C-alpha atoms as a PDB file:
ATOM      1  CA  MET A   1     -24.289  49.475-103.038  1.00  0.00           C
ATOM      2  CA  ARG A   2     -22.729  46.564-101.165  1.00  0.00           C
ATOM      3  CA  SER A   3     -22.842  46.404 -97.417  1.00  0.00           C
ATOM      4  CA  SER A   4     -19.753  45.556 -95.424  1.00  0.00           C
ATOM      5  CA  PRO A   5     -19.772  42.004 -94.118  1.00  0.00           C
ATOM      6  CA  ILE A   6     -19.634  41.537 -90.385  1.00  0.00           C
ATOM      7  CA  LYS A   7     -16.541  39.618 -89.319  1.00  0.00           C
ATOM      8  CA  ARG A   8     -16.190  37.677 -86.115  1.00  0.00           C
ATOM      9  CA  ARG A   9     -12.972  38.392 -84.211  1.00  0.00           C
ATOM     10  CA  THR A  10     -11.566  37.010 -80.991  1.00  0.00           C
ATOM     11  CA  ILE A  11     -10.033  39.522 -78.603  1.00  0.00           C
ATOM     12  CA  ASN A  12      -8.436  39.168 -75.209  1.00  0.00           C
ATOM     13  CA  ILE A  13      -9.740  41.470 -72.470  1.00  0.00           C
ATOM     14  CA  ALA A  14      -8.295  41.116 -68.960  1.00  0.00           C
ATOM     15  CA  SER A  15      -6.944  37.636 -69.759  1.00  0.00           C
ATOM     16  CA  HIS A  16     -10.380  36.545 -70.970  1.00  0.00           C
ATOM     17  CA  LYS A  17     -11.023  35.640 -74.603  1.00  0.00           C
ATOM     18  CA  THR A  18     -14.237  36.948 -76.061  1.00  0.00           C
ATOM     19  CA  SER A  19     -15.542  37.222 -79.574  1.00  0.00           C
ATOM     20  CA  ILE A  20     -16.986  40.279 -81.220  1.00  0.00           C
ATOM     21  CA  SER A  21     -18.714  40.800 -84.544  1.00  0.00           C
ATOM     22  CA  LEU A  22     -17.787  44.023 -86.336  1.00  0.00           C
ATOM     23  CA  GLU A  23     -17.630  45.383 -89.845  1.00  0.00           C
ATOM     24  CA  ASP A  24     -14.119  46.157 -91.117  1.00  0.00           C
ATOM     25  CA  GLU A  25     -14.897  49.885 -91.067  1.00  0.00           C
ATOM     26  CA  PHE A  26     -15.552  49.828 -87.313  1.00  0.00           C
ATOM     27  CA  TRP A  27     -12.562  47.571 -86.631  1.00  0.00           C
ATOM     28  CA  ASN A  28     -10.248  49.845 -88.634  1.00  0.00           C
ATOM     29  CA  SER A  29     -11.690  52.914 -86.905  1.00  0.00           C
ATOM     30  CA  LEU A  30     -11.039  51.371 -83.487  1.00  0.00           C
ATOM     31  CA  LYS A  31      -7.425  50.687 -84.472  1.00  0.00           C
ATOM     32  CA  GLN A  32      -7.036  54.284 -85.716  1.00  0.00           C
ATOM     33  CA  ILE A  33      -8.556  55.736 -82.534  1.00  0.00           C
ATOM     34  CA  ALA A  34      -6.268  53.606 -80.366  1.00  0.00           C
ATOM     35  CA  HIS A  35      -3.273  54.804 -82.390  1.00  0.00           C
ATOM     36  CA  GLU A  36      -4.345  58.465 -82.081  1.00  0.00           C
ATOM     37  CA  ARG A  37      -4.714  58.037 -78.320  1.00  0.00           C
ATOM     38  CA  GLY A  38      -1.345  56.279 -78.002  1.00  0.00           C
ATOM     39  CA  GLU A  39      -3.000  53.116 -76.680  1.00  0.00           C
ATOM     40  CA  SER A  40      -3.058  49.529 -77.754  1.00  0.00           C
ATOM     41  CA  LEU A  41      -6.242  48.202 -79.287  1.00  0.00           C
ATOM     42  CA  ARG A  42      -6.437  45.714 -76.415  1.00  0.00           C
ATOM     43  CA  HIS A  43      -6.305  48.521 -73.843  1.00  0.00           C
ATOM     44  CA  LEU A  44      -8.918  50.607 -75.662  1.00  0.00           C
ATOM     45  CA  THR A  45     -11.341  47.683 -75.927  1.00  0.00           C
ATOM     46  CA  ALA A  46     -10.816  46.922 -72.229  1.00  0.00           C
ATOM     47  CA  ILE A  47     -11.751  50.523 -71.350  1.00  0.00           C
ATOM     48  CA  ILE A  48     -14.853  50.398 -73.547  1.00  0.00           C
ATOM     49  CA  ASN A  49     -15.800  47.040 -72.051  1.00  0.00           C
ATOM     50  CA  ALA A  50     -15.469  48.355 -68.491  1.00  0.00           C
ATOM     51  CA  ARG A  51     -17.625  51.417 -69.227  1.00  0.00           C
ATOM     52  CA  ARG A  52     -20.341  49.824 -71.315  1.00  0.00           C
ATOM     53  CA  LYS A  53     -23.921  50.079 -70.147  1.00  0.00           C
ATOM     54  CA  PHE A  54     -25.389  47.221 -72.163  1.00  0.00           C
ATOM     55  CA  ALA A  55     -24.628  43.531 -72.519  1.00  0.00           C
ATOM     56  CA  ASN A  56     -23.414  43.523 -76.121  1.00  0.00           C
ATOM     57  CA  LEU A  57     -19.719  44.419 -76.475  1.00  0.00           C
ATOM     58  CA  SER A  58     -19.894  44.632 -80.277  1.00  0.00           C
ATOM     59  CA  SER A  59     -22.610  47.277 -80.006  1.00  0.00           C
ATOM     60  CA  ALA A  60     -20.629  49.143 -77.357  1.00  0.00           C
ATOM     61  CA  LEU A  61     -17.629  49.264 -79.700  1.00  0.00           C
ATOM     62  CA  ARG A  62     -19.751  50.601 -82.570  1.00  0.00           C
ATOM     63  CA  LEU A  63     -21.313  53.246 -80.335  1.00  0.00           C
ATOM     64  CA  PHE A  64     -17.874  54.280 -79.070  1.00  0.00           C
ATOM     65  CA  VAL A  65     -16.635  54.834 -82.637  1.00  0.00           C
ATOM     66  CA  LEU A  66     -19.785  56.771 -83.527  1.00  0.00           C
ATOM     67  CA  GLU A  67     -19.487  58.974 -80.446  1.00  0.00           C
ATOM     68  CA  TYR A  68     -15.759  59.537 -80.997  1.00  0.00           C
ATOM     69  CA  TYR A  69     -16.241  60.839 -84.515  1.00  0.00           C
ATOM     70  CA  THR A  70     -19.458  62.718 -83.708  1.00  0.00           C
ATOM     71  CA  GLU A  71     -17.590  64.725 -81.061  1.00  0.00           C
ATOM     72  CA  ARG A  72     -14.987  65.701 -83.652  1.00  0.00           C
ATOM     73  CA  VAL A  73     -17.537  67.229 -86.029  1.00  0.00           C
ATOM     74  CA  ASP A  74     -17.413  71.001 -86.320  1.00  0.00           C
ATOM     75  CA  PRO A  75     -19.828  72.448 -83.725  1.00  0.00           C
ATOM     76  CA  LEU A  76     -21.417  74.630 -86.417  1.00  0.00           C
ATOM     77  CA  GLU A  77     -22.478  71.504 -88.258  1.00  0.00           C
ATOM     78  CA  GLN A  78     -24.155  70.212 -85.111  1.00  0.00           C
ATOM     79  CA  GLN A  79     -26.554  73.123 -84.736  1.00  0.00           C
ATOM     80  CA  GLU A  80     -30.125  71.999 -84.482  1.00  0.00           C
ATOM     81  CA  MET A  81     -32.083  72.234 -87.689  1.00  0.00           C
ATOM     82  CA  PRO A  82     -35.316  74.223 -87.385  1.00  0.00           C
ATOM     83  CA  VAL A  83     -38.354  72.024 -86.991  1.00  0.00           C
ATOM     84  CA  ALA A  84     -40.857  72.392 -89.834  1.00  0.00           C
ATOM     85  CA  LYS A  85     -44.139  73.922 -88.816  1.00  0.00           C
ATOM     86  CA  ARG A  86     -46.789  71.282 -88.359  1.00  0.00           C
ATOM     87  CA  ARG A  87     -50.010  71.513 -90.289  1.00  0.00           C
ATOM     88  CA  LYS A  88     -53.151  71.808 -88.275  1.00  0.00           C
ATOM     89  CA  ARG A  89     -55.537  68.914 -88.693  1.00  0.00           C
ATOM     90  CA  ARG A  90     -58.965  69.795 -89.977  1.00  0.00           C
END
C-alpha cells in the first residue's frame, strides 16, 4: 500500500500568502466541502484559519475535513462499542 505524498501549496488568506502541506485526498476533500457549502476554497480556508485553536494550519485543515465527514456518518454507526470486561490480576 502506497501512502499519499504530502504536497506543499501556497494559499492566500486575508491578502496574506501562506503555505500548507496536505495530501491530495485532504485537498480534494476541502474543495468538495467548499463546493457543497457554496463557498470558495479561499473563503473556507479563511474560516478554518480564523477558528483554529492550534498553530499549524495544515493540521487544522485536516481536522476540519475529518470532523466534517465524521458528523455525516449515520448516528447508528457512531454508537459506543461495549468495553470488553477486564481480567482481574492475580
